Amino acid sequence: MTNKGTPYIDRTGTMIIPFSADQKYHFWNGGQPLSETLMELNMPEDIWHRHIEKPYPGNTD
């Protein structure tokens, strides 16, 4: 499992960013871009595309 203050992906593949998480993860409130958080979490490509339209790191498409 994960620390309650750390972003994580739930069983359905949805990214959860708890309000208790470090403010840097609050992309909706001036935090780092969601893409940076996804990279920190080492998200696989299919999960990446569920949350962001930006190309998956390493892909040129």
PDB file of N, CA and C in Angstrom:
ATOM      1  N   MET A   1       0.843  -1.188   0.000  1.00  0.00           N
ATOM      2  CA  MET A   1       0.000   0.000   0.000  1.00  0.00           C
ATOM      3  C   MET A   1       0.881   1.242   0.000  1.00  0.00           C
ATOM      4  N   THR A   2       0.317   2.381   0.192  1.00  0.00           N
ATOM      5  CA  THR A   2       1.046   3.634   0.097  1.00  0.00           C
ATOM      6  C   THR A   2       0.769   4.527   1.301  1.00  0.00           C
ATOM      7  N   ASN A   3       1.656   5.462   1.517  1.00  0.00           N
ATOM      8  CA  ASN A   3       1.460   6.470   2.545  1.00  0.00           C
ATOM      9  C   ASN A   3       0.254   7.308   2.147  1.00  0.00           C
ATOM     10  N   LYS A   4      -0.613   7.638   3.079  1.00  0.00           N
ATOM     11  CA  LYS A   4      -1.831   8.386   2.766  1.00  0.00           C
ATOM     12  C   LYS A   4      -1.572   9.780   2.213  1.00  0.00           C
ATOM     13  N   GLY A   5      -0.346  10.275   2.331  1.00  0.00           N
ATOM     14  CA  GLY A   5      -0.018  11.588   1.799  1.00  0.00           C
ATOM     15  C   GLY A   5       0.753  11.529   0.503  1.00  0.00           C
ATOM     16  N   THR A   6       0.789  10.361  -0.130  1.00  0.00           N
ATOM     17  CA  THR A   6       1.535  10.172  -1.362  1.00  0.00           C
ATOM     18  C   THR A   6       0.577   9.848  -2.504  1.00  0.00           C
ATOM     19  N   PRO A   7       0.766  10.473  -3.679  1.00  0.00           N
ATOM     20  CA  PRO A   7      -0.072  10.108  -4.827  1.00  0.00           C
ATOM     21  C   PRO A   7       0.112   8.630  -5.162  1.00  0.00           C
ATOM     22  N   TYR A   8      -0.940   8.015  -5.658  1.00  0.00           N
ATOM     23  CA  TYR A   8      -0.887   6.608  -6.040  1.00  0.00           C
ATOM     24  C   TYR A   8      -1.959   6.312  -7.074  1.00  0.00           C
ATOM     25  N   ILE A   9      -1.858   5.151  -7.685  1.00  0.00           N
ATOM     26  CA  ILE A   9      -2.848   4.686  -8.645  1.00  0.00           C
ATOM     27  C   ILE A   9      -3.686   3.615  -7.953  1.00  0.00           C
ATOM     28  N   ASP A  10      -5.003   3.770  -7.997  1.00  0.00           N
ATOM     29  CA  ASP A  10      -5.861   2.779  -7.351  1.00  0.00           C
ATOM     30  C   ASP A  10      -6.055   1.562  -8.247  1.00  0.00           C
ATOM     31  N   ARG A  11      -6.834   0.606  -7.794  1.00  0.00           N
ATOM     32  CA  ARG A  11      -7.033  -0.657  -8.526  1.00  0.00           C
ATOM     33  C   ARG A  11      -7.666  -0.470  -9.897  1.00  0.00           C
ATOM     34  N   THR A  12      -8.381   0.643 -10.089  1.00  0.00           N
ATOM     35  CA  THR A  12      -9.025   0.885 -11.382  1.00  0.00           C
ATOM     36  C   THR A  12      -8.119   1.643 -12.350  1.00  0.00           C
ATOM     37  N   GLY A  13      -6.924   2.019 -11.904  1.00  0.00           N
ATOM     38  CA  GLY A  13      -6.005   2.767 -12.752  1.00  0.00           C
ATOM     39  C   GLY A  13      -6.165   4.270 -12.651  1.00  0.00           C
ATOM     40  N   THR A  14      -6.891   4.734 -11.651  1.00  0.00           N
ATOM     41  CA  THR A  14      -7.114   6.159 -11.457  1.00  0.00           C
ATOM     42  C   THR A  14      -6.055   6.726 -10.510  1.00  0.00           C
ATOM     43  N   MET A  15      -5.455   7.839 -10.892  1.00  0.00           N
ATOM     44  CA  MET A  15      -4.490   8.470 -10.008  1.00  0.00           C
ATOM     45  C   MET A  15      -5.226   9.171  -8.878  1.00  0.00           C
ATOM     46  N   ILE A  16      -4.763   8.931  -7.667  1.00  0.00           N
ATOM     47  CA  ILE A  16      -5.312   9.565  -6.486  1.00  0.00           C
ATOM     48  C   ILE A  16      -4.230  10.464  -5.905  1.00  0.00           C
ATOM     49  N   ILE A  17      -4.572  11.744  -5.745  1.00  0.00           N
ATOM     50  CA  ILE A  17      -3.657  12.683  -5.102  1.00  0.00           C
ATOM     51  C   ILE A  17      -4.380  13.185  -3.855  1.00  0.00           C
ATOM     52  N   PRO A  18      -4.030  12.631  -2.711  1.00  0.00           N
ATOM     53  CA  PRO A  18      -4.703  13.047  -1.472  1.00  0.00           C
ATOM     54  C   PRO A  18      -4.486  14.530  -1.189  1.00  0.00           C
ATOM     55  N   PHE A  19      -5.467  15.163  -0.567  1.00  0.00           N
ATOM     56  CA  PHE A  19      -5.302  16.566  -0.189  1.00  0.00           C
ATOM     57  C   PHE A  19      -4.169  16.728   0.806  1.00  0.00           C
ATOM     58  N   SER A  20      -3.848  15.653   1.530  1.00  0.00           N
ATOM     59  CA  SER A  20      -2.760  15.709   2.508  1.00  0.00           C
ATOM     60  C   SER A  20      -1.385  15.533   1.850  1.00  0.00           C
ATOM     61  N   ALA A  21      -1.360  15.297   0.549  1.00  0.00           N
ATOM     62  CA  ALA A  21      -0.086  15.140  -0.166  1.00  0.00           C
ATOM     63  C   ALA A  21       0.657  16.471  -0.195  1.00  0.00           C
ATOM     64  N   ASP A  22       1.959  16.390  -0.361  1.00  0.00           N
ATOM     65  CA  ASP A  22       2.795  17.575  -0.502  1.00  0.00           C
ATOM     66  C   ASP A  22       2.180  18.489  -1.563  1.00  0.00           C
ATOM     67  N   GLN A  23       2.202  19.785  -1.318  1.00  0.00           N
ATOM     68  CA  GLN A  23       1.620  20.770  -2.241  1.00  0.00           C
ATOM     69  C   GLN A  23       2.198  20.679  -3.647  1.00  0.00           C
ATOM     70  N   LYS A  24       3.415  20.148  -3.778  1.00  0.00           N
ATOM     71  CA  LYS A  24       4.008  20.052  -5.121  1.00  0.00           C
ATOM     72  C   LYS A  24       3.180  19.162  -6.028  1.00  0.00           C
ATOM     73  N   TYR A  25       2.404  18.236  -5.472  1.00  0.00           N
ATOM     74  CA  TYR A  25       1.571  17.338  -6.273  1.00  0.00           C
ATOM     75  C   TYR A  25       0.224  17.940  -6.646  1.00  0.00           C
ATOM     76  N   HIS A  26      -0.121  19.090  -6.078  1.00  0.00           N
ATOM     77  CA  HIS A  26      -1.417  19.717  -6.343  1.00  0.00           C
ATOM     78  C   HIS A  26      -1.345  20.531  -7.630  1.00  0.00           C
ATOM     79  N   PHE A  27      -1.322  19.824  -8.763  1.00  0.00           N
ATOM     80  CA  PHE A  27      -1.182  20.463 -10.085  1.00  0.00           C
ATOM     81  C   PHE A  27      -2.293  21.463 -10.339  1.00  0.00           C
ATOM     82  N   TRP A  28      -3.441  21.282  -9.748  1.00  0.00           N
ATOM     83  CA  TRP A  28      -4.585  22.161  -9.946  1.00  0.00           C
ATOM     84  C   TRP A  28      -4.445  23.460  -9.156  1.00  0.00           C
ATOM     85  N   ASN A  29      -3.413  23.526  -8.300  1.00  0.00           N
ATOM     86  CA  ASN A  29      -3.253  24.695  -7.440  1.00  0.00           C
ATOM     87  C   ASN A  29      -1.803  25.190  -7.459  1.00  0.00           C
ATOM     88  N   GLY A  30      -1.185  25.200  -8.637  1.00  0.00           N
ATOM     89  CA  GLY A  30       0.156  25.734  -8.784  1.00  0.00           C
ATOM     90  C   GLY A  30       1.289  24.746  -8.534  1.00  0.00           C
ATOM     91  N   GLY A  31       0.956  23.486  -8.312  1.00  0.00           N
ATOM     92  CA  GLY A  31       1.994  22.468  -8.114  1.00  0.00           C
ATOM     93  C   GLY A  31       2.635  22.069  -9.430  1.00  0.00           C
ATOM     94  N   GLN A  32       3.491  21.070  -9.367  1.00  0.00           N
ATOM     95  CA  GLN A  32       4.186  20.606 -10.572  1.00  0.00           C
ATOM     96  C   GLN A  32       3.187  20.025 -11.571  1.00  0.00           C
ATOM     97  N   PRO A  33       3.549  20.009 -12.837  1.00  0.00           N
ATOM     98  CA  PRO A  33       2.664  19.434 -13.854  1.00  0.00           C
ATOM     99  C   PRO A  33       2.356  17.964 -13.550  1.00  0.00           C
ATOM    100  N   LEU A  34       1.173  17.553 -13.915  1.00  0.00           N
ATOM    101  CA  LEU A  34       0.746  16.172 -13.704  1.00  0.00           C
ATOM    102  C   LEU A  34       1.718  15.205 -14.369  1.00  0.00           C
ATOM    103  N   SER A  35       2.268  15.579 -15.505  1.00  0.00           N
ATOM    104  CA  SER A  35       3.220  14.705 -16.196  1.00  0.00           C
ATOM    105  C   SER A  35       4.437  14.399 -15.320  1.00  0.00           C
ATOM    106  N   GLU A  36       4.905  15.377 -14.546  1.00  0.00           N
ATOM    107  CA  GLU A  36       6.045  15.141 -13.660  1.00  0.00           C
ATOM    108  C   GLU A  36       5.692  14.147 -12.555  1.00  0.00           C
ATOM    109  N   THR A  37       4.501  14.266 -12.016  1.00  0.00           N
ATOM    110  CA  THR A  37       4.066  13.325 -10.980  1.00  0.00           C
ATOM    111  C   THR A  37       3.951  11.928 -11.562  1.00  0.00           C
ATOM    112  N   LEU A  38       3.392  11.811 -12.757  1.00  0.00           N
ATOM    113  CA  LEU A  38       3.284  10.501 -13.406  1.00  0.00           C
ATOM    114  C   LEU A  38       4.660   9.891 -13.631  1.00  0.00           C
ATOM    115  N   MET A  39       5.630  10.712 -14.022  1.00  0.00           N
ATOM    116  CA  MET A  39       6.988  10.199 -14.218  1.00  0.00           C
ATOM    117  C   MET A  39       7.599   9.762 -12.889  1.00  0.00           C
ATOM    118  N   GLU A  40       7.387  10.533 -11.830  1.00  0.00           N
ATOM    119  CA  GLU A  40       7.899  10.148 -10.509  1.00  0.00           C
ATOM    120  C   GLU A  40       7.348   8.796 -10.076  1.00  0.00           C
ATOM    121  N   LEU A  41       6.094   8.537 -10.430  1.00  0.00           N
ATOM    122  CA  LEU A  41       5.444   7.291 -10.041  1.00  0.00           C
ATOM    123  C   LEU A  41       5.736   6.157 -11.019  1.00  0.00           C
ATOM    124  N   ASN A  42       6.537   6.442 -12.063  1.00  0.00           N
ATOM    125  CA  ASN A  42       6.890   5.433 -13.070  1.00  0.00           C
ATOM    126  C   ASN A  42       5.662   4.747 -13.667  1.00  0.00           C
ATOM    127  N   MET A  43       4.711   5.563 -14.086  1.00  0.00           N
ATOM    128  CA  MET A  43       3.477   5.022 -14.635  1.00  0.00           C
ATOM    129  C   MET A  43       3.707   4.357 -15.973  1.00  0.00           C
ATOM    130  N   PRO A  44       3.085   3.192 -16.185  1.00  0.00           N
ATOM    131  CA  PRO A  44       3.163   2.563 -17.505  1.00  0.00           C
ATOM    132  C   PRO A  44       2.372   3.392 -18.525  1.00  0.00           C
ATOM    133  N   GLU A  45       2.649   3.158 -19.770  1.00  0.00           N
ATOM    134  CA  GLU A  45       2.060   3.967 -20.843  1.00  0.00           C
ATOM    135  C   GLU A  45       0.533   3.967 -20.830  1.00  0.00           C
ATOM    136  N   ASP A  46      -0.099   2.828 -20.581  1.00  0.00           N
ATOM    137  CA  ASP A  46      -1.564   2.794 -20.610  1.00  0.00           C
ATOM    138  C   ASP A  46      -2.173   3.664 -19.513  1.00  0.00           C
ATOM    139  N   ILE A  47      -1.565   3.682 -18.342  1.00  0.00           N
ATOM    140  CA  ILE A  47      -2.061   4.533 -17.252  1.00  0.00           C
ATOM    141  C   ILE A  47      -1.783   5.999 -17.574  1.00  0.00           C
ATOM    142  N   TRP A  48      -0.602   6.280 -18.116  1.00  0.00           N
ATOM    143  CA  TRP A  48      -0.229   7.640 -18.514  1.00  0.00           C
ATOM    144  C   TRP A  48      -1.323   8.236 -19.401  1.00  0.00           C
ATOM    145  N   HIS A  49      -1.734   7.495 -20.434  1.00  0.00           N
ATOM    146  CA  HIS A  49      -2.699   8.021 -21.403  1.00  0.00           C
ATOM    147  C   HIS A  49      -4.109   8.168 -20.832  1.00  0.00           C
ATOM    148  N   ARG A  50      -4.386   7.549 -19.726  1.00  0.00           N
ATOM    149  CA  ARG A  50      -5.691   7.737 -19.070  1.00  0.00           C
ATOM    150  C   ARG A  50      -5.781   9.097 -18.408  1.00  0.00           C
ATOM    151  N   HIS A  51      -4.620   9.705 -18.121  1.00  0.00           N
ATOM    152  CA  HIS A  51      -4.597  10.932 -17.332  1.00  0.00           C
ATOM    153  C   HIS A  51      -4.073  12.152 -18.063  1.00  0.00           C
ATOM    154  N   ILE A  52      -3.378  11.951 -19.172  1.00  0.00           N
ATOM    155  CA  ILE A  52      -2.741  13.078 -19.840  1.00  0.00           C
ATOM    156  C   ILE A  52      -2.615  12.785 -21.336  1.00  0.00           C
ATOM    157  N   GLU A  53      -2.745  13.833 -22.152  1.00  0.00           N
ATOM    158  CA  GLU A  53      -2.625  13.673 -23.606  1.00  0.00           C
ATOM    159  C   GLU A  53      -1.188  13.827 -24.084  1.00  0.00           C
ATOM    160  N   LYS A  54      -0.343  14.389 -23.248  1.00  0.00           N
ATOM    161  CA  LYS A  54       1.062  14.582 -23.598  1.00  0.00           C
ATOM    162  C   LYS A  54       1.674  13.222 -23.951  1.00  0.00           C
ATOM    163  N   PRO A  55       2.573  13.175 -24.976  1.00  0.00           N
ATOM    164  CA  PRO A  55       3.174  11.891 -25.352  1.00  0.00           C
ATOM    165  C   PRO A  55       3.904  11.227 -24.186  1.00  0.00           C
ATOM    166  N   TYR A  56       3.840   9.920 -24.150  1.00  0.00           N
ATOM    167  CA  TYR A  56       4.526   9.136 -23.138  1.00  0.00           C
ATOM    168  C   TYR A  56       6.022   9.353 -23.278  1.00  0.00           C
ATOM    169  N   PRO A  57       6.755   9.520 -22.177  1.00  0.00           N
ATOM    170  CA  PRO A  57       8.205   9.740 -22.272  1.00  0.00           C
ATOM    171  C   PRO A  57       8.896   8.649 -23.084  1.00  0.00           C
ATOM    172  N   GLY A  58       9.703   9.085 -24.022  1.00  0.00           N
ATOM    173  CA  GLY A  58      10.426   8.147 -24.881  1.00  0.00           C
ATOM    174  C   GLY A  58       9.722   7.873 -26.196  1.00  0.00           C
ATOM    175  N   ASN A  59       8.432   8.178 -26.284  1.00  0.00           N
ATOM    176  CA  ASN A  59       7.699   7.996 -27.546  1.00  0.00           C
ATOM    177  C   ASN A  59       7.778   9.281 -28.350  1.00  0.00           C
ATOM    178  N   THR A  60       7.886   9.140 -29.647  1.00  0.00           N
ATOM    179  CA  THR A  60       7.934  10.317 -30.519  1.00  0.00           C
ATOM    180  C   THR A  60       6.608  10.579 -31.200  1.00  0.00           C
ATOM    181  N   ASP A  61       5.591   9.775 -30.899  1.00  0.00           N
ATOM    182  CA  ASP A  61       4.278   9.930 -31.534  1.00  0.00           C
ATOM    183  C   ASP A  61       3.580  11.182 -31.029  1.00  0.00           C
TER     184      ASP A  61
END
